[in-house]
Amino acid sequence: MPLKDIIVQLDDSGSSDTRLNLAVDLAKKHEAVLTGLLVAPPRVLSQQTRSAWYHMSNPGLMSAESRKAEESHKELVERGRKEVSQWENGFKRHLKRSGVSGDWIVAEESLPDALTRYARFCDVAIVGQFDSEITRVHGHAATDLLLHSVGHAVMVVPLRIEFKSLADRIMIAWDRSPVALRAVHNARPFLRSAKEVKVVAVNIESEFRGQRTGSGICEHLARHGIAAEPLHITTKKHTKLSDALLSTAADLACDLLVMGAYGRSGLRERVLGSVTSTILSDAKIPVLLSH
């Protein structure tokens, strides 16, 4: 099944243009509709509410300080409108040049709220990588909340990446878990058009299906017309799983990592740490996740 509905999160970070280029190319390839989502927290109260508040506070003539604040507010609102207009015009120009149809949404609310509200009804959401230096509220980033709120795949694009190709060489992180299988199912539109697919299992003993070695995932993909090659890796005792996956993806020159997100229980995540969180903060290639 091809992708038909894609949403991309835009912001003022250095990777926003890369995200947009990636999303436009993906939408063009799948003949999908692309929605641009610009998220900005509410800057100010609406002009009408602000004016009413001043008049209630100052039944007579407004003081010089109030008039000055009112003018500053008007300038801020106007500057915000111009910035939003520039974003919208740039997005629409990009779509027109590429022959892609799309929609435009501006959400003045928190990033987690906006993402979960507007990214729920699409085939894949393309969002930015959170900054590992920013404190995560209660252990969660916006991408974490999004992954737990939608049933489809979420693609997280690194902050610093030079976009060359996407999904030509795909690596699947395979651990036989339900979330890993869901990630594979959600990734089928990407896997079908890939030039090479590797199914990587780290520190997992081989299984046998009849007389053949393997868990069956490569055979399952083959029945969907997807050629995948299994790769078993054994690491040293103290090697982190996240490091093993990222280094293997680099060695294989992959341009997309497919994996299940947050497969452990909440308690185990807190005690053992999260492979998902580490990969989201350290990955140098886009990661396609499903929860």
C-alpha atoms as a PDB file:
ATOM      1  CA  MET A   1       0.000   0.000   0.000  1.00  0.00           C
ATOM      2  CA  PRO A   2       1.567   3.353  -1.018  1.00  0.00           C
ATOM      3  CA  LEU A   3       1.695   6.432   1.161  1.00  0.00           C
ATOM      4  CA  LYS A   4      -1.157   8.837   0.409  1.00  0.00           C
ATOM      5  CA  ASP A   5      -1.164  11.249   3.343  1.00  0.00           C
ATOM      6  CA  ILE A   6       2.063  12.704   4.788  1.00  0.00           C
ATOM      7  CA  ILE A   7       2.568  15.441   7.364  1.00  0.00           C
ATOM      8  CA  VAL A   8       5.842  17.250   8.032  1.00  0.00           C
ATOM      9  CA  GLN A   9       6.650  19.380  11.076  1.00  0.00           C
ATOM     10  CA  LEU A  10       8.371  22.664  10.229  1.00  0.00           C
ATOM     11  CA  ASP A  11      10.221  25.021  12.566  1.00  0.00           C
ATOM     12  CA  ASP A  12      13.190  27.394  12.682  1.00  0.00           C
ATOM     13  CA  SER A  13      15.778  24.662  13.307  1.00  0.00           C
ATOM     14  CA  GLY A  14      18.602  23.911  10.901  1.00  0.00           C
ATOM     15  CA  SER A  15      17.046  20.617   9.843  1.00  0.00           C
ATOM     16  CA  SER A  16      13.633  21.986   8.871  1.00  0.00           C
ATOM     17  CA  ASP A  17      14.587  22.533   5.214  1.00  0.00           C
ATOM     18  CA  THR A  18      16.006  19.012   5.032  1.00  0.00           C
ATOM     19  CA  ARG A  19      12.793  17.644   6.523  1.00  0.00           C
ATOM     20  CA  LEU A  20      10.760  19.521   3.937  1.00  0.00           C
ATOM     21  CA  ASN A  21      12.939  18.351   1.023  1.00  0.00           C
ATOM     22  CA  LEU A  22      12.689  14.777   2.250  1.00  0.00           C
ATOM     23  CA  ALA A  23       8.916  15.012   2.706  1.00  0.00           C
ATOM     24  CA  VAL A  24       8.365  16.583  -0.720  1.00  0.00           C
ATOM     25  CA  ASP A  25      10.429  13.901  -2.453  1.00  0.00           C
ATOM     26  CA  LEU A  26       8.532  11.202  -0.565  1.00  0.00           C
ATOM     27  CA  ALA A  27       5.154  12.738  -1.440  1.00  0.00           C
ATOM     28  CA  LYS A  28       6.133  13.040  -5.101  1.00  0.00           C
ATOM     29  CA  LYS A  29       7.336   9.433  -5.216  1.00  0.00           C
ATOM     30  CA  HIS A  30       4.086   8.105  -3.722  1.00  0.00           C
ATOM     31  CA  GLU A  31       1.768  10.714  -5.275  1.00  0.00           C
ATOM     32  CA  ALA A  32       0.712  11.662  -1.755  1.00  0.00           C
ATOM     33  CA  VAL A  33      -0.779  14.811  -0.277  1.00  0.00           C
ATOM     34  CA  LEU A  34       1.733  16.654   1.919  1.00  0.00           C
ATOM     35  CA  THR A  35       0.624  18.760   4.884  1.00  0.00           C
ATOM     36  CA  GLY A  36       3.010  21.321   6.321  1.00  0.00           C
ATOM     37  CA  LEU A  37       2.588  21.887  10.066  1.00  0.00           C
ATOM     38  CA  LEU A  38       4.102  25.004  11.614  1.00  0.00           C
ATOM     39  CA  VAL A  39       3.922  24.856  15.399  1.00  0.00           C
ATOM     40  CA  ALA A  40       4.360  27.978  17.480  1.00  0.00           C
ATOM     41  CA  PRO A  41       3.283  28.592  21.073  1.00  0.00           C
ATOM     42  CA  PRO A  42       0.737  31.419  21.423  1.00  0.00           C
ATOM     43  CA  ARG A  43       2.741  34.642  21.378  1.00  0.00           C
ATOM     44  CA  VAL A  44       0.080  37.003  22.676  1.00  0.00           C
ATOM     45  CA  LEU A  45      -3.599  37.345  23.412  1.00  0.00           C
ATOM     46  CA  SER A  46      -5.820  38.109  20.442  1.00  0.00           C
ATOM     47  CA  GLN A  47      -6.106  41.777  19.530  1.00  0.00           C
ATOM     48  CA  GLN A  48      -9.762  41.921  20.579  1.00  0.00           C
ATOM     49  CA  THR A  49      -9.154  40.262  23.941  1.00  0.00           C
ATOM     50  CA  ARG A  50      -6.153  42.468  24.643  1.00  0.00           C
ATOM     51  CA  SER A  51      -8.037  45.680  23.857  1.00  0.00           C
ATOM     52  CA  ALA A  52     -11.000  44.624  25.972  1.00  0.00           C
ATOM     53  CA  TRP A  53      -8.671  43.844  28.873  1.00  0.00           C
ATOM     54  CA  TYR A  54      -7.087  47.299  28.679  1.00  0.00           C
ATOM     55  CA  HIS A  55     -10.439  49.073  28.613  1.00  0.00           C
ATOM     56  CA  MET A  56     -11.656  47.067  31.608  1.00  0.00           C
ATOM     57  CA  SER A  57      -8.499  47.899  33.498  1.00  0.00           C
ATOM     58  CA  ASN A  58      -8.640  51.560  32.457  1.00  0.00           C
ATOM     59  CA  PRO A  59     -12.223  52.796  32.331  1.00  0.00           C
ATOM     60  CA  GLY A  60     -11.010  56.265  31.370  1.00  0.00           C
ATOM     61  CA  LEU A  61      -8.183  57.109  29.048  1.00  0.00           C
ATOM     62  CA  MET A  62      -5.405  54.571  28.960  1.00  0.00           C
ATOM     63  CA  SER A  63      -2.163  55.611  30.595  1.00  0.00           C
ATOM     64  CA  ALA A  64       0.980  56.250  28.559  1.00  0.00           C
ATOM     65  CA  GLU A  65       2.346  52.914  29.742  1.00  0.00           C
ATOM     66  CA  SER A  66      -0.796  51.116  28.623  1.00  0.00           C
ATOM     67  CA  ARG A  67      -0.732  52.777  25.200  1.00  0.00           C
ATOM     68  CA  LYS A  68       2.918  51.837  24.810  1.00  0.00           C
ATOM     69  CA  ALA A  69       2.181  48.242  25.744  1.00  0.00           C
ATOM     70  CA  GLU A  70      -0.734  48.223  23.297  1.00  0.00           C
ATOM     71  CA  GLU A  71       1.501  49.429  20.470  1.00  0.00           C
ATOM     72  CA  SER A  72       4.154  46.853  21.314  1.00  0.00           C
ATOM     73  CA  HIS A  73       1.505  44.176  21.256  1.00  0.00           C
ATOM     74  CA  LYS A  74       0.286  45.286  17.819  1.00  0.00           C
ATOM     75  CA  GLU A  75       3.831  45.204  16.462  1.00  0.00           C
ATOM     76  CA  LEU A  76       4.383  41.714  17.867  1.00  0.00           C
ATOM     77  CA  VAL A  77       1.164  40.421  16.320  1.00  0.00           C
ATOM     78  CA  GLU A  78       2.029  41.937  12.948  1.00  0.00           C
ATOM     79  CA  ARG A  79       5.558  40.540  13.004  1.00  0.00           C
ATOM     80  CA  GLY A  80       4.168  37.098  13.830  1.00  0.00           C
ATOM     81  CA  ARG A  81       1.704  37.292  10.945  1.00  0.00           C
ATOM     82  CA  LYS A  82       4.484  38.197   8.513  1.00  0.00           C
ATOM     83  CA  GLU A  83       6.653  35.321   9.684  1.00  0.00           C
ATOM     84  CA  VAL A  84       3.790  32.840   9.299  1.00  0.00           C
ATOM     85  CA  SER A  85       3.017  34.235   5.844  1.00  0.00           C
ATOM     86  CA  GLN A  86       6.648  33.777   4.790  1.00  0.00           C
ATOM     87  CA  TRP A  87       6.609  30.165   5.984  1.00  0.00           C
ATOM     88  CA  GLU A  88       3.359  29.459   4.139  1.00  0.00           C
ATOM     89  CA  ASN A  89       4.507  31.075   0.899  1.00  0.00           C
ATOM     90  CA  GLY A  90       7.796  29.176   0.987  1.00  0.00           C
ATOM     91  CA  PHE A  91       6.025  25.878   1.588  1.00  0.00           C
ATOM     92  CA  LYS A  92       3.569  26.433  -1.253  1.00  0.00           C
ATOM     93  CA  ARG A  93       6.353  27.480  -3.649  1.00  0.00           C
ATOM     94  CA  HIS A  94       8.209  24.273  -2.824  1.00  0.00           C
ATOM     95  CA  LEU A  95       5.104  22.189  -3.540  1.00  0.00           C
ATOM     96  CA  LYS A  96       4.431  24.015  -6.819  1.00  0.00           C
ATOM     97  CA  ARG A  97       7.980  23.455  -8.084  1.00  0.00           C
ATOM     98  CA  SER A  98       7.713  19.746  -7.288  1.00  0.00           C
ATOM     99  CA  GLY A  99       4.181  19.218  -8.568  1.00  0.00           C
ATOM    100  CA  VAL A 100       2.982  18.006  -5.159  1.00  0.00           C
ATOM    101  CA  SER A 101      -0.441  18.835  -3.719  1.00  0.00           C
ATOM    102  CA  GLY A 102      -0.714  19.785  -0.079  1.00  0.00           C
ATOM    103  CA  ASP A 103      -2.277  21.592   2.853  1.00  0.00           C
ATOM    104  CA  TRP A 104      -0.961  24.160   5.312  1.00  0.00           C
ATOM    105  CA  ILE A 105      -1.634  24.279   9.061  1.00  0.00           C
ATOM    106  CA  VAL A 106      -0.479  26.775  11.687  1.00  0.00           C
ATOM    107  CA  ALA A 107      -0.956  25.584  15.274  1.00  0.00           C
ATOM    108  CA  GLU A 108      -0.498  28.022  18.139  1.00  0.00           C
ATOM    109  CA  GLU A 109      -0.156  25.512  20.962  1.00  0.00           C
ATOM    110  CA  SER A 110       2.465  23.301  22.529  1.00  0.00           C
ATOM    111  CA  LEU A 111       4.463  21.044  20.219  1.00  0.00           C
ATOM    112  CA  PRO A 112       3.222  17.753  21.792  1.00  0.00           C
ATOM    113  CA  ASP A 113      -0.418  18.887  21.596  1.00  0.00           C
ATOM    114  CA  ALA A 114      -0.129  20.055  18.001  1.00  0.00           C
ATOM    115  CA  LEU A 115       1.661  16.936  16.812  1.00  0.00           C
ATOM    116  CA  THR A 116      -0.777  14.524  18.417  1.00  0.00           C
ATOM    117  CA  ARG A 117      -3.753  16.548  17.150  1.00  0.00           C
ATOM    118  CA  TYR A 118      -2.762  16.928  13.503  1.00  0.00           C
ATOM    119  CA  ALA A 119      -0.451  13.930  12.919  1.00  0.00           C
ATOM    120  CA  ARG A 120      -3.051  11.384  13.968  1.00  0.00           C
ATOM    121  CA  PHE A 121      -4.707  11.136  10.556  1.00  0.00           C
ATOM    122  CA  CYS A 122      -1.901  10.434   8.110  1.00  0.00           C
ATOM    123  CA  ASP A 123       0.219   7.532   6.852  1.00  0.00           C
ATOM    124  CA  VAL A 124       3.490   8.850   8.227  1.00  0.00           C
ATOM    125  CA  ALA A 125       4.501  11.891  10.270  1.00  0.00           C
ATOM    126  CA  ILE A 126       7.925  13.430   9.628  1.00  0.00           C
ATOM    127  CA  VAL A 127       9.241  15.315  12.653  1.00  0.00           C
ATOM    128  CA  GLY A 128      12.491  16.737  13.974  1.00  0.00           C
ATOM    129  CA  GLN A 129      14.926  15.081  16.340  1.00  0.00           C
ATOM    130  CA  PHE A 130      14.809  16.467  19.871  1.00  0.00           C
ATOM    131  CA  ASP A 131      17.948  18.128  21.233  1.00  0.00           C
ATOM    132  CA  SER A 132      19.627  15.797  23.727  1.00  0.00           C
ATOM    133  CA  GLU A 133      20.847  18.843  25.680  1.00  0.00           C
ATOM    134  CA  ILE A 134      17.292  19.985  26.412  1.00  0.00           C
ATOM    135  CA  THR A 135      15.794  18.647  29.640  1.00  0.00           C
ATOM    136  CA  ARG A 136      12.968  16.260  28.863  1.00  0.00           C
ATOM    137  CA  VAL A 137       9.814  16.982  30.864  1.00  0.00           C
ATOM    138  CA  HIS A 138       9.021  13.989  33.102  1.00  0.00           C
ATOM    139  CA  GLY A 139      11.339  11.889  30.929  1.00  0.00           C
ATOM    140  CA  HIS A 140       9.381  12.555  27.731  1.00  0.00           C
ATOM    141  CA  ALA A 141      10.061  14.533  24.573  1.00  0.00           C
ATOM    142  CA  ALA A 142       7.461  15.617  22.031  1.00  0.00           C
ATOM    143  CA  THR A 143       8.369  12.684  19.799  1.00  0.00           C
ATOM    144  CA  ASP A 144       7.801  10.246  22.673  1.00  0.00           C
ATOM    145  CA  LEU A 145       4.265  11.512  23.225  1.00  0.00           C
ATOM    146  CA  LEU A 146       3.553  11.437  19.500  1.00  0.00           C
ATOM    147  CA  LEU A 147       4.689   7.819  19.193  1.00  0.00           C
ATOM    148  CA  HIS A 148       2.373   6.803  22.016  1.00  0.00           C
ATOM    149  CA  SER A 149      -0.577   8.714  20.552  1.00  0.00           C
ATOM    150  CA  VAL A 150      -0.714   7.562  16.919  1.00  0.00           C
ATOM    151  CA  GLY A 151      -0.946   4.108  15.423  1.00  0.00           C
ATOM    152  CA  HIS A 152       1.118   4.742  12.307  1.00  0.00           C
ATOM    153  CA  ALA A 153       4.820   5.226  11.667  1.00  0.00           C
ATOM    154  CA  VAL A 154       6.713   8.338  12.757  1.00  0.00           C
ATOM    155  CA  MET A 155       9.895   9.367  10.985  1.00  0.00           C
ATOM    156  CA  VAL A 156      12.382  11.312  13.105  1.00  0.00           C
ATOM    157  CA  VAL A 157      14.942  13.294  11.097  1.00  0.00           C
ATOM    158  CA  PRO A 158      18.257  14.233  12.761  1.00  0.00           C
ATOM    159  CA  LEU A 159      19.041  17.856  13.520  1.00  0.00           C
ATOM    160  CA  ARG A 160      22.176  17.799  11.410  1.00  0.00           C
ATOM    161  CA  ILE A 161      21.884  15.772   8.224  1.00  0.00           C
ATOM    162  CA  GLU A 162      22.700  16.289   4.565  1.00  0.00           C
ATOM    163  CA  PHE A 163      19.816  14.867   2.580  1.00  0.00           C
ATOM    164  CA  LYS A 164      20.992  12.746  -0.344  1.00  0.00           C
ATOM    165  CA  SER A 165      18.673   9.773  -0.562  1.00  0.00           C
ATOM    166  CA  LEU A 166      15.991   8.152   1.549  1.00  0.00           C
ATOM    167  CA  ALA A 167      15.107   4.486   1.896  1.00  0.00           C
ATOM    168  CA  ASP A 168      17.499   3.180  -0.738  1.00  0.00           C
ATOM    169  CA  ARG A 169      19.373   1.134   1.880  1.00  0.00           C
ATOM    170  CA  ILE A 170      17.170   0.229   4.852  1.00  0.00           C
ATOM    171  CA  MET A 171      18.129  -1.497   8.069  1.00  0.00           C
ATOM    172  CA  ILE A 172      15.459  -3.140  10.216  1.00  0.00           C
ATOM    173  CA  ALA A 173      16.230  -3.566  13.926  1.00  0.00           C
ATOM    174  CA  TRP A 174      14.677  -6.966  14.622  1.00  0.00           C
ATOM    175  CA  ASP A 175      14.094  -8.520  18.061  1.00  0.00           C
ATOM    176  CA  ARG A 176      10.971 -10.617  17.331  1.00  0.00           C
ATOM    177  CA  SER A 177       8.810  -8.329  19.487  1.00  0.00           C
ATOM    178  CA  PRO A 178       5.282  -7.150  18.592  1.00  0.00           C
ATOM    179  CA  VAL A 179       6.470  -3.547  18.211  1.00  0.00           C
ATOM    180  CA  ALA A 180       9.258  -4.637  15.845  1.00  0.00           C
ATOM    181  CA  LEU A 181       6.732  -6.545  13.726  1.00  0.00           C
ATOM    182  CA  ARG A 182       4.410  -3.527  13.701  1.00  0.00           C
ATOM    183  CA  ALA A 183       7.332  -1.363  12.586  1.00  0.00           C
ATOM    184  CA  VAL A 184       8.011  -3.741   9.699  1.00  0.00           C
ATOM    185  CA  HIS A 185       4.360  -3.693   8.636  1.00  0.00           C
ATOM    186  CA  ASN A 186       4.217   0.108   8.745  1.00  0.00           C
ATOM    187  CA  ALA A 187       7.471   0.347   6.790  1.00  0.00           C
ATOM    188  CA  ARG A 188       6.293  -1.744   3.817  1.00  0.00           C
ATOM    189  CA  PRO A 189       5.794   1.275   1.492  1.00  0.00           C
ATOM    190  CA  PHE A 190       9.450   2.172   2.098  1.00  0.00           C
ATOM    191  CA  LEU A 191      10.744  -1.397   1.952  1.00  0.00           C
ATOM    192  CA  ARG A 192       9.108  -2.158  -1.413  1.00  0.00           C
ATOM    193  CA  SER A 193      11.057   0.549  -3.212  1.00  0.00           C
ATOM    194  CA  ALA A 194      14.375   0.029  -1.385  1.00  0.00           C
ATOM    195  CA  LYS A 195      17.442  -1.186  -3.235  1.00  0.00           C
ATOM    196  CA  GLU A 196      18.661  -3.141  -0.220  1.00  0.00           C
ATOM    197  CA  VAL A 197      17.041  -4.274   3.041  1.00  0.00           C
ATOM    198  CA  LYS A 198      18.954  -5.742   5.980  1.00  0.00           C
ATOM    199  CA  VAL A 199      17.196  -7.381   8.940  1.00  0.00           C
ATOM    200  CA  VAL A 200      19.614  -7.009  11.850  1.00  0.00           C
ATOM    201  CA  ALA A 201      19.280  -9.053  15.047  1.00  0.00           C
ATOM    202  CA  VAL A 202      21.680  -8.259  17.899  1.00  0.00           C
ATOM    203  CA  ASN A 203      22.575 -10.912  20.488  1.00  0.00           C
ATOM    204  CA  ILE A 204      19.596 -13.129  19.603  1.00  0.00           C
ATOM    205  CA  GLU A 205      19.979 -16.874  19.210  1.00  0.00           C
ATOM    206  CA  SER A 206      18.945 -18.264  15.851  1.00  0.00           C
ATOM    207  CA  GLU A 207      15.567 -19.926  15.547  1.00  0.00           C
ATOM    208  CA  PHE A 208      14.626 -22.733  13.201  1.00  0.00           C
ATOM    209  CA  ARG A 209      11.553 -22.909  10.981  1.00  0.00           C
ATOM    210  CA  GLY A 210      11.490 -26.548  10.036  1.00  0.00           C
ATOM    211  CA  GLN A 211      14.976 -27.268   8.738  1.00  0.00           C
ATOM    212  CA  ARG A 212      15.771 -23.623   7.959  1.00  0.00           C
ATOM    213  CA  THR A 213      17.429 -21.051  10.189  1.00  0.00           C
ATOM    214  CA  GLY A 214      15.544 -17.826  10.815  1.00  0.00           C
ATOM    215  CA  SER A 215      12.569 -16.340  12.620  1.00  0.00           C
ATOM    216  CA  GLY A 216      10.516 -16.111   9.431  1.00  0.00           C
ATOM    217  CA  ILE A 217      10.514 -12.335   8.968  1.00  0.00           C
ATOM    218  CA  CYS A 218      12.560 -12.434   5.747  1.00  0.00           C
ATOM    219  CA  GLU A 219      10.277 -15.121   4.305  1.00  0.00           C
ATOM    220  CA  HIS A 220       7.259 -13.049   5.306  1.00  0.00           C
ATOM    221  CA  LEU A 221       8.661  -9.983   3.549  1.00  0.00           C
ATOM    222  CA  ALA A 222       9.475 -12.051   0.464  1.00  0.00           C
ATOM    223  CA  ARG A 223       5.805 -12.976   0.149  1.00  0.00           C
ATOM    224  CA  HIS A 224       5.114  -9.251  -0.058  1.00  0.00           C
ATOM    225  CA  GLY A 225       7.659  -8.836  -2.832  1.00  0.00           C
ATOM    226  CA  ILE A 226      10.378  -7.461  -0.541  1.00  0.00           C
ATOM    227  CA  ALA A 227      13.851  -9.030  -0.692  1.00  0.00           C
ATOM    228  CA  ALA A 228      15.516  -8.812   2.734  1.00  0.00           C
ATOM    229  CA  GLU A 229      18.788 -10.258   3.980  1.00  0.00           C
ATOM    230  CA  PRO A 230      19.185 -11.388   7.615  1.00  0.00           C
ATOM    231  CA  LEU A 231      22.230 -10.346   9.625  1.00  0.00           C
ATOM    232  CA  HIS A 232      22.995 -11.665  13.124  1.00  0.00           C
ATOM    233  CA  ILE A 233      25.412  -9.672  15.278  1.00  0.00           C
ATOM    234  CA  THR A 234      27.021 -10.631  18.580  1.00  0.00           C
ATOM    235  CA  THR A 235      28.471  -7.777  20.622  1.00  0.00           C
ATOM    236  CA  LYS A 236      30.877  -7.574  23.508  1.00  0.00           C
ATOM    237  CA  LYS A 237      29.443  -7.831  27.013  1.00  0.00           C
ATOM    238  CA  HIS A 238      29.216  -4.115  27.854  1.00  0.00           C
ATOM    239  CA  THR A 239      28.236  -2.828  24.398  1.00  0.00           C
ATOM    240  CA  LYS A 240      24.971  -0.926  24.441  1.00  0.00           C
ATOM    241  CA  LEU A 241      22.289  -2.148  22.076  1.00  0.00           C
ATOM    242  CA  SER A 242      21.743   1.389  20.771  1.00  0.00           C
ATOM    243  CA  ASP A 243      25.469   1.733  19.971  1.00  0.00           C
ATOM    244  CA  ALA A 244      25.477  -1.636  18.202  1.00  0.00           C
ATOM    245  CA  LEU A 245      22.486  -0.683  16.041  1.00  0.00           C
ATOM    246  CA  LEU A 246      23.784   2.764  15.112  1.00  0.00           C
ATOM    247  CA  SER A 247      27.293   1.547  14.331  1.00  0.00           C
ATOM    248  CA  THR A 248      25.905  -1.286  12.197  1.00  0.00           C
ATOM    249  CA  ALA A 249      23.691   1.149  10.285  1.00  0.00           C
ATOM    250  CA  ALA A 250      26.766   3.295   9.639  1.00  0.00           C
ATOM    251  CA  ASP A 251      28.857   0.303   8.524  1.00  0.00           C
ATOM    252  CA  LEU A 252      26.110  -0.752   6.107  1.00  0.00           C
ATOM    253  CA  ALA A 253      25.781   2.828   4.794  1.00  0.00           C
ATOM    254  CA  CYS A 254      22.038   2.739   5.467  1.00  0.00           C
ATOM    255  CA  ASP A 255      19.920   5.843   4.942  1.00  0.00           C
ATOM    256  CA  LEU A 256      16.918   4.711   7.022  1.00  0.00           C
ATOM    257  CA  LEU A 257      16.595   2.735  10.250  1.00  0.00           C
ATOM    258  CA  VAL A 258      13.283   0.947  10.926  1.00  0.00           C
ATOM    259  CA  MET A 259      12.542  -0.113  14.491  1.00  0.00           C
ATOM    260  CA  GLY A 260       9.865  -0.614  17.104  1.00  0.00           C
ATOM    261  CA  ALA A 261       9.693   2.063  19.788  1.00  0.00           C
ATOM    262  CA  TYR A 262       9.517   1.596  23.566  1.00  0.00           C
ATOM    263  CA  GLY A 263       8.939  -2.132  23.656  1.00  0.00           C
ATOM    264  CA  ARG A 264       9.751  -2.515  27.370  1.00  0.00           C
ATOM    265  CA  SER A 265       7.421  -1.820  30.249  1.00  0.00           C
ATOM    266  CA  GLY A 266       7.531   1.622  31.834  1.00  0.00           C
ATOM    267  CA  LEU A 267       9.425   0.335  34.886  1.00  0.00           C
ATOM    268  CA  ARG A 268      12.075  -1.426  32.809  1.00  0.00           C
ATOM    269  CA  GLU A 269      12.474   1.694  30.681  1.00  0.00           C
ATOM    270  CA  ARG A 270      13.267   3.748  33.780  1.00  0.00           C
ATOM    271  CA  VAL A 271      15.571   1.173  35.344  1.00  0.00           C
ATOM    272  CA  LEU A 272      17.455   0.001  32.245  1.00  0.00           C
ATOM    273  CA  GLY A 273      17.240   3.139  30.164  1.00  0.00           C
ATOM    274  CA  SER A 274      15.617   3.395  26.766  1.00  0.00           C
ATOM    275  CA  VAL A 275      17.236   2.173  23.566  1.00  0.00           C
ATOM    276  CA  THR A 276      14.645   4.223  21.681  1.00  0.00           C
ATOM    277  CA  SER A 277      15.491   7.481  23.471  1.00  0.00           C
ATOM    278  CA  THR A 278      19.217   7.023  22.906  1.00  0.00           C
ATOM    279  CA  ILE A 279      18.780   6.310  19.218  1.00  0.00           C
ATOM    280  CA  LEU A 280      16.429   9.266  18.817  1.00  0.00           C
ATOM    281  CA  SER A 281      19.026  11.599  20.308  1.00  0.00           C
ATOM    282  CA  ASP A 282      22.130  10.102  18.647  1.00  0.00           C
ATOM    283  CA  ALA A 283      21.015   8.877  15.211  1.00  0.00           C
ATOM    284  CA  LYS A 284      22.679  10.436  12.171  1.00  0.00           C
ATOM    285  CA  ILE A 285      20.109   9.038   9.727  1.00  0.00           C
ATOM    286  CA  PRO A 286      16.283   9.207   9.707  1.00  0.00           C
ATOM    287  CA  VAL A 287      14.585   6.660  11.956  1.00  0.00           C
ATOM    288  CA  LEU A 288      11.147   5.231  11.163  1.00  0.00           C
ATOM    289  CA  LEU A 289       9.472   4.132  14.385  1.00  0.00           C
ATOM    290  CA  SER A 290       6.235   2.433  15.374  1.00  0.00           C
ATOM    291  CA  HIS A 291       4.859   1.816  18.852  1.00  0.00           C
END
